Amino acid sequence: MTGLGYTLPALVAVALVCGWELAILRTGLFRRPGYWLSMIIVLSFQIVVDGWLTKLSAPLVLYNSTHITGIRLPWDIPIEDFLFGFAMVTAVLLLWERERIRDRKVRAYE
């Protein structure tokens, strides 16, 4: 188990998204309760769907065991899936927030 095939990209994705927010965009998204509430909602649905897809008793999605850490949380979901999910949803919300801020600036100059 090296985890390099799936774990490393998942960790890099989380680091890049967090770094993008904290060092470049600075939207304040991580300080908003609404963001964390939305992440709880996403996580809830991710557990149900991903749990069904990855359950070891009858998996629909198979992972090469040498590409993941082997850490599986509720319903046999690889921890890497949660990392990628966090990075993906956060990146989309940051893009949305960036556009909202740009739109406000454009309206201020009209």
PDB file of N, CA and C in Angstrom:
ATOM      1  N   MET A   1       0.836  -1.194   0.000  1.00  0.00           N
ATOM      2  CA  MET A   1       0.000   0.000   0.000  1.00  0.00           C
ATOM      3  C   MET A   1       0.875   1.250   0.000  1.00  0.00           C
ATOM      4  N   THR A   2       0.974   1.893  -1.124  1.00  0.00           N
ATOM      5  CA  THR A   2       1.736   3.141  -1.165  1.00  0.00           C
ATOM      6  C   THR A   2       0.819   4.344  -1.061  1.00  0.00           C
ATOM      7  N   GLY A   3      -0.385   4.233  -1.605  1.00  0.00           N
ATOM      8  CA  GLY A   3      -1.317   5.350  -1.568  1.00  0.00           C
ATOM      9  C   GLY A   3      -0.998   6.439  -2.566  1.00  0.00           C
ATOM     10  N   LEU A   4       0.063   6.241  -3.356  1.00  0.00           N
ATOM     11  CA  LEU A   4       0.465   7.299  -4.281  1.00  0.00           C
ATOM     12  C   LEU A   4      -0.500   7.480  -5.443  1.00  0.00           C
ATOM     13  N   GLY A   5      -1.156   6.425  -5.856  1.00  0.00           N
ATOM     14  CA  GLY A   5      -2.027   6.516  -7.019  1.00  0.00           C
ATOM     15  C   GLY A   5      -3.296   7.302  -6.790  1.00  0.00           C
ATOM     16  N   TYR A   6      -3.807   7.297  -5.587  1.00  0.00           N
ATOM     17  CA  TYR A   6      -5.075   7.971  -5.299  1.00  0.00           C
ATOM     18  C   TYR A   6      -4.958   8.878  -4.078  1.00  0.00           C
ATOM     19  N   THR A   7      -4.209   8.460  -3.091  1.00  0.00           N
ATOM     20  CA  THR A   7      -4.080   9.234  -1.863  1.00  0.00           C
ATOM     21  C   THR A   7      -3.326  10.534  -2.084  1.00  0.00           C
ATOM     22  N   LEU A   8      -2.188  10.461  -2.729  1.00  0.00           N
ATOM     23  CA  LEU A   8      -1.389  11.667  -2.952  1.00  0.00           C
ATOM     24  C   LEU A   8      -2.157  12.721  -3.758  1.00  0.00           C
ATOM     25  N   PRO A   9      -2.782  12.362  -4.883  1.00  0.00           N
ATOM     26  CA  PRO A   9      -3.565  13.379  -5.604  1.00  0.00           C
ATOM     27  C   PRO A   9      -4.713  13.952  -4.761  1.00  0.00           C
ATOM     28  N   ALA A  10      -5.319  13.124  -3.914  1.00  0.00           N
ATOM     29  CA  ALA A  10      -6.406  13.615  -3.059  1.00  0.00           C
ATOM     30  C   ALA A  10      -5.878  14.637  -2.065  1.00  0.00           C
ATOM     31  N   LEU A  11      -4.745  14.346  -1.452  1.00  0.00           N
ATOM     32  CA  LEU A  11      -4.144  15.296  -0.505  1.00  0.00           C
ATOM     33  C   LEU A  11      -3.686  16.571  -1.203  1.00  0.00           C
ATOM     34  N   VAL A  12      -3.123  16.431  -2.386  1.00  0.00           N
ATOM     35  CA  VAL A  12      -2.690  17.603  -3.155  1.00  0.00           C
ATOM     36  C   VAL A  12      -3.898  18.464  -3.527  1.00  0.00           C
ATOM     37  N   ALA A  13      -4.988  17.834  -3.920  1.00  0.00           N
ATOM     38  CA  ALA A  13      -6.198  18.577  -4.278  1.00  0.00           C
ATOM     39  C   ALA A  13      -6.712  19.388  -3.089  1.00  0.00           C
ATOM     40  N   VAL A  14      -6.738  18.786  -1.919  1.00  0.00           N
ATOM     41  CA  VAL A  14      -7.183  19.503  -0.717  1.00  0.00           C
ATOM     42  C   VAL A  14      -6.243  20.668  -0.417  1.00  0.00           C
ATOM     43  N   ALA A  15      -4.946  20.425  -0.487  1.00  0.00           N
ATOM     44  CA  ALA A  15      -3.969  21.484  -0.210  1.00  0.00           C
ATOM     45  C   ALA A  15      -4.080  22.624  -1.214  1.00  0.00           C
ATOM     46  N   LEU A  16      -4.252  22.303  -2.494  1.00  0.00           N
ATOM     47  CA  LEU A  16      -4.364  23.340  -3.514  1.00  0.00           C
ATOM     48  C   LEU A  16      -5.615  24.195  -3.327  1.00  0.00           C
ATOM     49  N   VAL A  17      -6.731  23.551  -3.058  1.00  0.00           N
ATOM     50  CA  VAL A  17      -7.984  24.288  -2.877  1.00  0.00           C
ATOM     51  C   VAL A  17      -7.911  25.169  -1.632  1.00  0.00           C
ATOM     52  N   CYS A  18      -7.410  24.621  -0.545  1.00  0.00           N
ATOM     53  CA  CYS A  18      -7.287  25.422   0.679  1.00  0.00           C
ATOM     54  C   CYS A  18      -6.286  26.563   0.486  1.00  0.00           C
ATOM     55  N   GLY A  19      -5.171  26.279  -0.166  1.00  0.00           N
ATOM     56  CA  GLY A  19      -4.195  27.317  -0.443  1.00  0.00           C
ATOM     57  C   GLY A  19      -4.735  28.395  -1.358  1.00  0.00           C
ATOM     58  N   TRP A  20      -5.513  27.998  -2.340  1.00  0.00           N
ATOM     59  CA  TRP A  20      -6.139  28.957  -3.273  1.00  0.00           C
ATOM     60  C   TRP A  20      -7.031  29.926  -2.508  1.00  0.00           C
ATOM     61  N   GLU A  21      -7.812  29.386  -1.576  1.00  0.00           N
ATOM     62  CA  GLU A  21      -8.691  30.251  -0.784  1.00  0.00           C
ATOM     63  C   GLU A  21      -7.890  31.123   0.177  1.00  0.00           C
ATOM     64  N   LEU A  22      -7.000  30.515   0.930  1.00  0.00           N
ATOM     65  CA  LEU A  22      -6.315  31.235   2.001  1.00  0.00           C
ATOM     66  C   LEU A  22      -5.259  32.224   1.504  1.00  0.00           C
ATOM     67  N   ALA A  23      -4.618  31.927   0.385  1.00  0.00           N
ATOM     68  CA  ALA A  23      -3.530  32.782  -0.086  1.00  0.00           C
ATOM     69  C   ALA A  23      -3.914  33.694  -1.247  1.00  0.00           C
ATOM     70  N   ILE A  24      -4.896  33.289  -2.052  1.00  0.00           N
ATOM     71  CA  ILE A  24      -5.201  34.053  -3.267  1.00  0.00           C
ATOM     72  C   ILE A  24      -6.583  34.695  -3.220  1.00  0.00           C
ATOM     73  N   LEU A  25      -7.612  33.873  -3.144  1.00  0.00           N
ATOM     74  CA  LEU A  25      -8.977  34.410  -3.229  1.00  0.00           C
ATOM     75  C   LEU A  25      -9.390  35.187  -1.992  1.00  0.00           C
ATOM     76  N   ARG A  26      -9.164  34.614  -0.835  1.00  0.00           N
ATOM     77  CA  ARG A  26      -9.515  35.230   0.441  1.00  0.00           C
ATOM     78  C   ARG A  26     -10.978  35.689   0.496  1.00  0.00           C
ATOM     79  N   THR A  27     -11.869  34.786   0.146  1.00  0.00           N
ATOM     80  CA  THR A  27     -13.297  35.112   0.160  1.00  0.00           C
ATOM     81  C   THR A  27     -13.903  35.018   1.552  1.00  0.00           C
ATOM     82  N   GLY A  28     -13.225  34.349   2.459  1.00  0.00           N
ATOM     83  CA  GLY A  28     -13.773  34.139   3.794  1.00  0.00           C
ATOM     84  C   GLY A  28     -14.728  32.971   3.864  1.00  0.00           C
ATOM     85  N   LEU A  29     -14.745  32.156   2.831  1.00  0.00           N
ATOM     86  CA  LEU A  29     -15.685  31.041   2.761  1.00  0.00           C
ATOM     87  C   LEU A  29     -15.562  30.102   3.957  1.00  0.00           C
ATOM     88  N   PHE A  30     -14.343  29.818   4.389  1.00  0.00           N
ATOM     89  CA  PHE A  30     -14.144  28.871   5.488  1.00  0.00           C
ATOM     90  C   PHE A  30     -14.644  29.406   6.830  1.00  0.00           C
ATOM     91  N   ARG A  31     -14.902  30.697   6.917  1.00  0.00           N
ATOM     92  CA  ARG A  31     -15.409  31.284   8.167  1.00  0.00           C
ATOM     93  C   ARG A  31     -16.932  31.328   8.224  1.00  0.00           C
ATOM     94  N   ARG A  32     -17.573  30.907   7.174  1.00  0.00           N
ATOM     95  CA  ARG A  32     -19.033  30.999   7.114  1.00  0.00           C
ATOM     96  C   ARG A  32     -19.714  29.711   7.579  1.00  0.00           C
ATOM     97  N   PRO A  33     -20.630  29.833   8.520  1.00  0.00           N
ATOM     98  CA  PRO A  33     -21.372  28.640   8.961  1.00  0.00           C
ATOM     99  C   PRO A  33     -22.131  27.977   7.811  1.00  0.00           C
ATOM    100  N   GLY A  34     -22.609  28.765   6.862  1.00  0.00           N
ATOM    101  CA  GLY A  34     -23.341  28.212   5.725  1.00  0.00           C
ATOM    102  C   GLY A  34     -22.496  27.267   4.884  1.00  0.00           C
ATOM    103  N   TYR A  35     -21.212  27.581   4.776  1.00  0.00           N
ATOM    104  CA  TYR A  35     -20.303  26.696   4.032  1.00  0.00           C
ATOM    105  C   TYR A  35     -20.203  25.350   4.737  1.00  0.00           C
ATOM    106  N   TRP A  36     -19.987  25.381   6.043  1.00  0.00           N
ATOM    107  CA  TRP A  36     -19.834  24.132   6.791  1.00  0.00           C
ATOM    108  C   TRP A  36     -21.134  23.345   6.838  1.00  0.00           C
ATOM    109  N   LEU A  37     -22.262  24.041   6.894  1.00  0.00           N
ATOM    110  CA  LEU A  37     -23.549  23.354   6.831  1.00  0.00           C
ATOM    111  C   LEU A  37     -23.705  22.658   5.476  1.00  0.00           C
ATOM    112  N   SER A  38     -23.329  23.347   4.407  1.00  0.00           N
ATOM    113  CA  SER A  38     -23.417  22.734   3.079  1.00  0.00           C
ATOM    114  C   SER A  38     -22.490  21.527   2.975  1.00  0.00           C
ATOM    115  N   MET A  39     -21.326  21.589   3.612  1.00  0.00           N
ATOM    116  CA  MET A  39     -20.412  20.448   3.585  1.00  0.00           C
ATOM    117  C   MET A  39     -20.995  19.259   4.352  1.00  0.00           C
ATOM    118  N   ILE A  40     -21.716  19.527   5.432  1.00  0.00           N
ATOM    119  CA  ILE A  40     -22.372  18.446   6.174  1.00  0.00           C
ATOM    120  C   ILE A  40     -23.451  17.799   5.317  1.00  0.00           C
ATOM    121  N   ILE A  41     -24.197  18.614   4.589  1.00  0.00           N
ATOM    122  CA  ILE A  41     -25.242  18.084   3.703  1.00  0.00           C
ATOM    123  C   ILE A  41     -24.610  17.237   2.604  1.00  0.00           C
ATOM    124  N   VAL A  42     -23.557  17.755   1.975  1.00  0.00           N
ATOM    125  CA  VAL A  42     -22.865  17.004   0.925  1.00  0.00           C
ATOM    126  C   VAL A  42     -22.314  15.694   1.482  1.00  0.00           C
ATOM    127  N   LEU A  43     -21.691  15.763   2.643  1.00  0.00           N
ATOM    128  CA  LEU A  43     -21.119  14.577   3.268  1.00  0.00           C
ATOM    129  C   LEU A  43     -22.197  13.531   3.555  1.00  0.00           C
ATOM    130  N   SER A  44     -23.342  13.982   3.999  1.00  0.00           N
ATOM    131  CA  SER A  44     -24.440  13.050   4.284  1.00  0.00           C
ATOM    132  C   SER A  44     -24.841  12.272   3.039  1.00  0.00           C
ATOM    133  N   PHE A  45     -25.003  12.977   1.931  1.00  0.00           N
ATOM    134  CA  PHE A  45     -25.370  12.301   0.689  1.00  0.00           C
ATOM    135  C   PHE A  45     -24.208  11.470   0.147  1.00  0.00           C
ATOM    136  N   GLN A  46     -22.991  11.957   0.332  1.00  0.00           N
ATOM    137  CA  GLN A  46     -21.825  11.209  -0.130  1.00  0.00           C
ATOM    138  C   GLN A  46     -21.715   9.878   0.603  1.00  0.00           C
ATOM    139  N   ILE A  47     -21.987   9.870   1.882  1.00  0.00           N
ATOM    140  CA  ILE A  47     -21.916   8.623   2.644  1.00  0.00           C
ATOM    141  C   ILE A  47     -22.920   7.605   2.115  1.00  0.00           C
ATOM    142  N   VAL A  48     -24.128   8.057   1.837  1.00  0.00           N
ATOM    143  CA  VAL A  48     -25.156   7.131   1.342  1.00  0.00           C
ATOM    144  C   VAL A  48     -24.775   6.587  -0.036  1.00  0.00           C
ATOM    145  N   VAL A  49     -24.463   7.472  -0.960  1.00  0.00           N
ATOM    146  CA  VAL A  49     -24.186   7.048  -2.336  1.00  0.00           C
ATOM    147  C   VAL A  49     -22.851   6.317  -2.438  1.00  0.00           C
ATOM    148  N   ASP A  50     -21.807   6.921  -1.887  1.00  0.00           N
ATOM    149  CA  ASP A  50     -20.478   6.319  -1.971  1.00  0.00           C
ATOM    150  C   ASP A  50     -20.424   5.011  -1.186  1.00  0.00           C
ATOM    151  N   GLY A  51     -21.135   4.960  -0.089  1.00  0.00           N
ATOM    152  CA  GLY A  51     -21.188   3.722   0.684  1.00  0.00           C
ATOM    153  C   GLY A  51     -21.795   2.588  -0.116  1.00  0.00           C
ATOM    154  N   TRP A  52     -22.822   2.886  -0.869  1.00  0.00           N
ATOM    155  CA  TRP A  52     -23.462   1.875  -1.712  1.00  0.00           C
ATOM    156  C   TRP A  52     -22.528   1.458  -2.851  1.00  0.00           C
ATOM    157  N   LEU A  53     -21.794   2.415  -3.403  1.00  0.00           N
ATOM    158  CA  LEU A  53     -20.910   2.113  -4.530  1.00  0.00           C
ATOM    159  C   LEU A  53     -19.656   1.341  -4.135  1.00  0.00           C
ATOM    160  N   THR A  54     -19.160   1.564  -2.921  1.00  0.00           N
ATOM    161  CA  THR A  54     -17.862   0.995  -2.540  1.00  0.00           C
ATOM    162  C   THR A  54     -17.923  -0.092  -1.485  1.00  0.00           C
ATOM    163  N   LYS A  55     -19.116  -0.471  -1.050  1.00  0.00           N
ATOM    164  CA  LYS A  55     -19.213  -1.481   0.020  1.00  0.00           C
ATOM    165  C   LYS A  55     -18.460  -2.743  -0.393  1.00  0.00           C
ATOM    166  N   LEU A  56     -17.654  -3.234   0.509  1.00  0.00           N
ATOM    167  CA  LEU A  56     -16.801  -4.380   0.200  1.00  0.00           C
ATOM    168  C   LEU A  56     -17.590  -5.662  -0.040  1.00  0.00           C
ATOM    169  N   SER A  57     -18.815  -5.741   0.479  1.00  0.00           N
ATOM    170  CA  SER A  57     -19.616  -6.955   0.295  1.00  0.00           C
ATOM    171  C   SER A  57     -20.091  -7.122  -1.147  1.00  0.00           C
ATOM    172  N   ALA A  58     -20.295  -6.019  -1.872  1.00  0.00           N
ATOM    173  CA  ALA A  58     -20.735  -6.077  -3.267  1.00  0.00           C
ATOM    174  C   ALA A  58     -20.382  -4.752  -3.950  1.00  0.00           C
ATOM    175  N   PRO A  59     -19.100  -4.496  -4.159  1.00  0.00           N
ATOM    176  CA  PRO A  59     -18.703  -3.194  -4.692  1.00  0.00           C
ATOM    177  C   PRO A  59     -19.062  -3.010  -6.163  1.00  0.00           C
ATOM    178  N   LEU A  60     -19.502  -1.813  -6.486  1.00  0.00           N
ATOM    179  CA  LEU A  60     -19.700  -1.422  -7.881  1.00  0.00           C
ATOM    180  C   LEU A  60     -18.466  -0.695  -8.392  1.00  0.00           C
ATOM    181  N   VAL A  61     -17.745  -0.081  -7.476  1.00  0.00           N
ATOM    182  CA  VAL A  61     -16.496   0.609  -7.793  1.00  0.00           C
ATOM    183  C   VAL A  61     -15.377  -0.096  -7.044  1.00  0.00           C
ATOM    184  N   LEU A  62     -14.354  -0.486  -7.768  1.00  0.00           N
ATOM    185  CA  LEU A  62     -13.223  -1.185  -7.169  1.00  0.00           C
ATOM    186  C   LEU A  62     -11.996  -0.275  -7.171  1.00  0.00           C
ATOM    187  N   TYR A  63     -11.205  -0.365  -6.114  1.00  0.00           N
ATOM    188  CA  TYR A  63      -9.980   0.409  -5.993  1.00  0.00           C
ATOM    189  C   TYR A  63      -8.792  -0.546  -5.945  1.00  0.00           C
ATOM    190  N   ASN A  64      -7.731  -0.189  -6.608  1.00  0.00           N
ATOM    191  CA  ASN A  64      -6.505  -0.955  -6.513  1.00  0.00           C
ATOM    192  C   ASN A  64      -5.945  -0.713  -5.114  1.00  0.00           C
ATOM    193  N   SER A  65      -5.794  -1.764  -4.341  1.00  0.00           N
ATOM    194  CA  SER A  65      -5.383  -1.604  -2.942  1.00  0.00           C
ATOM    195  C   SER A  65      -3.994  -0.993  -2.793  1.00  0.00           C
ATOM    196  N   THR A  66      -3.180  -1.027  -3.836  1.00  0.00           N
ATOM    197  CA  THR A  66      -1.859  -0.403  -3.748  1.00  0.00           C
ATOM    198  C   THR A  66      -1.915   1.098  -3.987  1.00  0.00           C
ATOM    199  N   HIS A  67      -3.074   1.612  -4.376  1.00  0.00           N
ATOM    200  CA  HIS A  67      -3.204   3.030  -4.684  1.00  0.00           C
ATOM    201  C   HIS A  67      -3.945   3.814  -3.614  1.00  0.00           C
ATOM    202  N   ILE A  68      -4.409   3.145  -2.578  1.00  0.00           N
ATOM    203  CA  ILE A  68      -5.101   3.827  -1.484  1.00  0.00           C
ATOM    204  C   ILE A  68      -4.472   3.422  -0.157  1.00  0.00           C
ATOM    205  N   THR A  69      -4.792   4.170   0.882  1.00  0.00           N
ATOM    206  CA  THR A  69      -4.228   3.865   2.202  1.00  0.00           C
ATOM    207  C   THR A  69      -4.844   2.618   2.814  1.00  0.00           C
ATOM    208  N   GLY A  70      -6.057   2.309   2.416  1.00  0.00           N
ATOM    209  CA  GLY A  70      -6.769   1.185   3.011  1.00  0.00           C
ATOM    210  C   GLY A  70      -7.669   1.613   4.151  1.00  0.00           C
ATOM    211  N   ILE A  71      -7.605   2.886   4.527  1.00  0.00           N
ATOM    212  CA  ILE A  71      -8.488   3.402   5.573  1.00  0.00           C
ATOM    213  C   ILE A  71      -9.876   3.584   4.963  1.00  0.00           C
ATOM    214  N   ARG A  72     -10.829   2.892   5.518  1.00  0.00           N
ATOM    215  CA  ARG A  72     -12.212   2.974   5.020  1.00  0.00           C
ATOM    216  C   ARG A  72     -13.113   3.325   6.183  1.00  0.00           C
ATOM    217  N   LEU A  73     -13.909   4.345   5.995  1.00  0.00           N
ATOM    218  CA  LEU A  73     -14.811   4.808   7.045  1.00  0.00           C
ATOM    219  C   LEU A  73     -16.202   4.244   6.815  1.00  0.00           C
ATOM    220  N   PRO A  74     -17.250   4.907   7.201  1.00  0.00           N
ATOM    221  CA  PRO A  74     -18.571   4.265   7.176  1.00  0.00           C
ATOM    222  C   PRO A  74     -18.851   3.568   5.845  1.00  0.00           C
ATOM    223  N   TRP A  75     -19.343   2.374   5.934  1.00  0.00           N
ATOM    224  CA  TRP A  75     -19.744   1.563   4.784  1.00  0.00           C
ATOM    225  C   TRP A  75     -18.602   1.346   3.802  1.00  0.00           C
ATOM    226  N   ASP A  76     -17.413   1.200   4.294  1.00  0.00           N
ATOM    227  CA  ASP A  76     -16.250   0.835   3.484  1.00  0.00           C
ATOM    228  C   ASP A  76     -15.822   1.906   2.481  1.00  0.00           C
ATOM    229  N   ILE A  77     -16.123   3.161   2.760  1.00  0.00           N
ATOM    230  CA  ILE A  77     -15.749   4.255   1.855  1.00  0.00           C
ATOM    231  C   ILE A  77     -14.280   4.611   2.082  1.00  0.00           C
ATOM    232  N   PRO A  78     -13.464   4.567   1.027  1.00  0.00           N
ATOM    233  CA  PRO A  78     -12.056   4.969   1.191  1.00  0.00           C
ATOM    234  C   PRO A  78     -11.954   6.435   1.618  1.00  0.00           C
ATOM    235  N   ILE A  79     -11.077   6.714   2.544  1.00  0.00           N
ATOM    236  CA  ILE A  79     -10.902   8.078   3.062  1.00  0.00           C
ATOM    237  C   ILE A  79     -10.591   9.050   1.927  1.00  0.00           C
ATOM    238  N   GLU A  80      -9.924   8.569   0.899  1.00  0.00           N
ATOM    239  CA  GLU A  80      -9.558   9.422  -0.230  1.00  0.00           C
ATOM    240  C   GLU A  80     -10.784  10.000  -0.941  1.00  0.00           C
ATOM    241  N   ASP A  81     -11.883   9.254  -0.946  1.00  0.00           N
ATOM    242  CA  ASP A  81     -13.103   9.768  -1.571  1.00  0.00           C
ATOM    243  C   ASP A  81     -13.608  11.024  -0.864  1.00  0.00           C
ATOM    244  N   PHE A  82     -13.481  11.047   0.458  1.00  0.00           N
ATOM    245  CA  PHE A  82     -13.903  12.231   1.208  1.00  0.00           C
ATOM    246  C   PHE A  82     -12.992  13.416   0.915  1.00  0.00           C
ATOM    247  N   LEU A  83     -11.711  13.155   0.761  1.00  0.00           N
ATOM    248  CA  LEU A  83     -10.772  14.235   0.444  1.00  0.00           C
ATOM    249  C   LEU A  83     -11.075  14.834  -0.920  1.00  0.00           C
ATOM    250  N   PHE A  84     -11.255  13.979  -1.919  1.00  0.00           N
ATOM    251  CA  PHE A  84     -11.584  14.486  -3.249  1.00  0.00           C
ATOM    252  C   PHE A  84     -12.927  15.208  -3.244  1.00  0.00           C
ATOM    253  N   GLY A  85     -13.900  14.665  -2.530  1.00  0.00           N
ATOM    254  CA  GLY A  85     -15.210  15.320  -2.455  1.00  0.00           C
ATOM    255  C   GLY A  85     -15.109  16.704  -1.842  1.00  0.00           C
ATOM    256  N   PHE A  86     -14.350  16.817  -0.762  1.00  0.00           N
ATOM    257  CA  PHE A  86     -14.143  18.117  -0.122  1.00  0.00           C
ATOM    258  C   PHE A  86     -13.506  19.092  -1.098  1.00  0.00           C
ATOM    259  N   ALA A  87     -12.454  18.650  -1.772  1.00  0.00           N
ATOM    260  CA  ALA A  87     -11.741  19.535  -2.703  1.00  0.00           C
ATOM    261  C   ALA A  87     -12.637  19.957  -3.857  1.00  0.00           C
ATOM    262  N   MET A  88     -13.389  19.042  -4.409  1.00  0.00           N
ATOM    263  CA  MET A  88     -14.232  19.346  -5.554  1.00  0.00           C
ATOM    264  C   MET A  88     -15.355  20.320  -5.194  1.00  0.00           C
ATOM    265  N   VAL A  89     -16.072  20.031  -4.135  1.00  0.00           N
ATOM    266  CA  VAL A  89     -17.188  20.892  -3.739  1.00  0.00           C
ATOM    267  C   VAL A  89     -16.677  22.271  -3.315  1.00  0.00           C
ATOM    268  N   THR A  90     -15.591  22.312  -2.577  1.00  0.00           N
ATOM    269  CA  THR A  90     -15.032  23.585  -2.135  1.00  0.00           C
ATOM    270  C   THR A  90     -14.542  24.403  -3.323  1.00  0.00           C
ATOM    271  N   ALA A  91     -13.910  23.769  -4.303  1.00  0.00           N
ATOM    272  CA  ALA A  91     -13.444  24.486  -5.492  1.00  0.00           C
ATOM    273  C   ALA A  91     -14.610  25.113  -6.249  1.00  0.00           C
ATOM    274  N   VAL A  92     -15.691  24.373  -6.384  1.00  0.00           N
ATOM    275  CA  VAL A  92     -16.870  24.912  -7.081  1.00  0.00           C
ATOM    276  C   VAL A  92     -17.454  26.094  -6.309  1.00  0.00           C
ATOM    277  N   LEU A  93     -17.571  25.957  -4.994  1.00  0.00           N
ATOM    278  CA  LEU A  93     -18.105  27.053  -4.188  1.00  0.00           C
ATOM    279  C   LEU A  93     -17.187  28.279  -4.232  1.00  0.00           C
ATOM    280  N   LEU A  94     -15.885  28.063  -4.284  1.00  0.00           N
ATOM    281  CA  LEU A  94     -14.952  29.188  -4.391  1.00  0.00           C
ATOM    282  C   LEU A  94     -15.078  29.886  -5.745  1.00  0.00           C
ATOM    283  N   LEU A  95     -15.248  29.121  -6.801  1.00  0.00           N
ATOM    284  CA  LEU A  95     -15.473  29.738  -8.120  1.00  0.00           C
ATOM    285  C   LEU A  95     -16.760  30.553  -8.128  1.00  0.00           C
ATOM    286  N   TRP A  96     -17.784  30.004  -7.528  1.00  0.00           N
ATOM    287  CA  TRP A  96     -19.063  30.691  -7.435  1.00  0.00           C
ATOM    288  C   TRP A  96     -18.900  31.990  -6.644  1.00  0.00           C
ATOM    289  N   GLU A  97     -18.215  31.902  -5.527  1.00  0.00           N
ATOM    290  CA  GLU A  97     -18.009  33.072  -4.678  1.00  0.00           C
ATOM    291  C   GLU A  97     -17.162  34.129  -5.395  1.00  0.00           C
ATOM    292  N   ARG A  98     -16.143  33.693  -6.112  1.00  0.00           N
ATOM    293  CA  ARG A  98     -15.305  34.627  -6.873  1.00  0.00           C
ATOM    294  C   ARG A  98     -16.139  35.392  -7.899  1.00  0.00           C
ATOM    295  N   GLU A  99     -17.028  34.696  -8.587  1.00  0.00           N
ATOM    296  CA  GLU A  99     -17.891  35.358  -9.574  1.00  0.00           C
ATOM    297  C   GLU A  99     -18.872  36.313  -8.903  1.00  0.00           C
ATOM    298  N   ARG A 100     -19.380  35.932  -7.741  1.00  0.00           N
ATOM    299  CA  ARG A 100     -20.300  36.809  -7.012  1.00  0.00           C
ATOM    300  C   ARG A 100     -19.600  38.102  -6.613  1.00  0.00           C
ATOM    301  N   ILE A 101     -18.368  37.999  -6.166  1.00  0.00           N
ATOM    302  CA  ILE A 101     -17.588  39.182  -5.776  1.00  0.00           C
ATOM    303  C   ILE A 101     -17.307  40.052  -6.998  1.00  0.00           C
ATOM    304  N   ARG A 102     -16.938  39.432  -8.112  1.00  0.00           N
ATOM    305  CA  ARG A 102     -16.693  40.187  -9.355  1.00  0.00           C
ATOM    306  C   ARG A 102     -17.953  40.918  -9.808  1.00  0.00           C
ATOM    307  N   ASP A 103     -19.088  40.231  -9.704  1.00  0.00           N
ATOM    308  CA  ASP A 103     -20.352  40.832 -10.121  1.00  0.00           C
ATOM    309  C   ASP A 103     -20.677  42.052  -9.268  1.00  0.00           C
ATOM    310  N   ARG A 104     -20.413  41.971  -7.979  1.00  0.00           N
ATOM    311  CA  ARG A 104     -20.644  43.120  -7.094  1.00  0.00           C
ATOM    312  C   ARG A 104     -19.762  44.299  -7.485  1.00  0.00           C
ATOM    313  N   LYS A 105     -18.512  44.017  -7.818  1.00  0.00           N
ATOM    314  CA  LYS A 105     -17.583  45.096  -8.213  1.00  0.00           C
ATOM    315  C   LYS A 105     -18.024  45.749  -9.511  1.00  0.00           C
ATOM    316  N   VAL A 106     -18.496  44.951 -10.460  1.00  0.00           N
ATOM    317  CA  VAL A 106     -18.968  45.490 -11.733  1.00  0.00           C
ATOM    318  C   VAL A 106     -20.192  46.367 -11.503  1.00  0.00           C
ATOM    319  N   ARG A 107     -21.111  45.921 -10.679  1.00  0.00           N
ATOM    320  CA  ARG A 107     -22.311  46.712 -10.384  1.00  0.00           C
ATOM    321  C   ARG A 107     -21.968  48.020  -9.677  1.00  0.00           C
ATOM    322  N   ALA A 108     -20.933  47.998  -8.862  1.00  0.00           N
ATOM    323  CA  ALA A 108     -20.537  49.211  -8.133  1.00  0.00           C
ATOM    324  C   ALA A 108     -20.026  50.278  -9.078  1.00  0.00           C
ATOM    325  N   TYR A 109     -19.466  49.872 -10.231  1.00  0.00           N
ATOM    326  CA  TYR A 109     -18.933  50.829 -11.182  1.00  0.00           C
ATOM    327  C   TYR A 109     -19.951  51.262 -12.221  1.00  0.00           C
ATOM    328  N   GLU A 110     -21.129  50.688 -12.214  1.00  0.00           N
ATOM    329  CA  GLU A 110     -22.154  51.060 -13.194  1.00  0.00           C
ATOM    330  C   GLU A 110     -22.904  52.294 -12.777  1.00  0.00           C
TER     331      GLU A 110
END
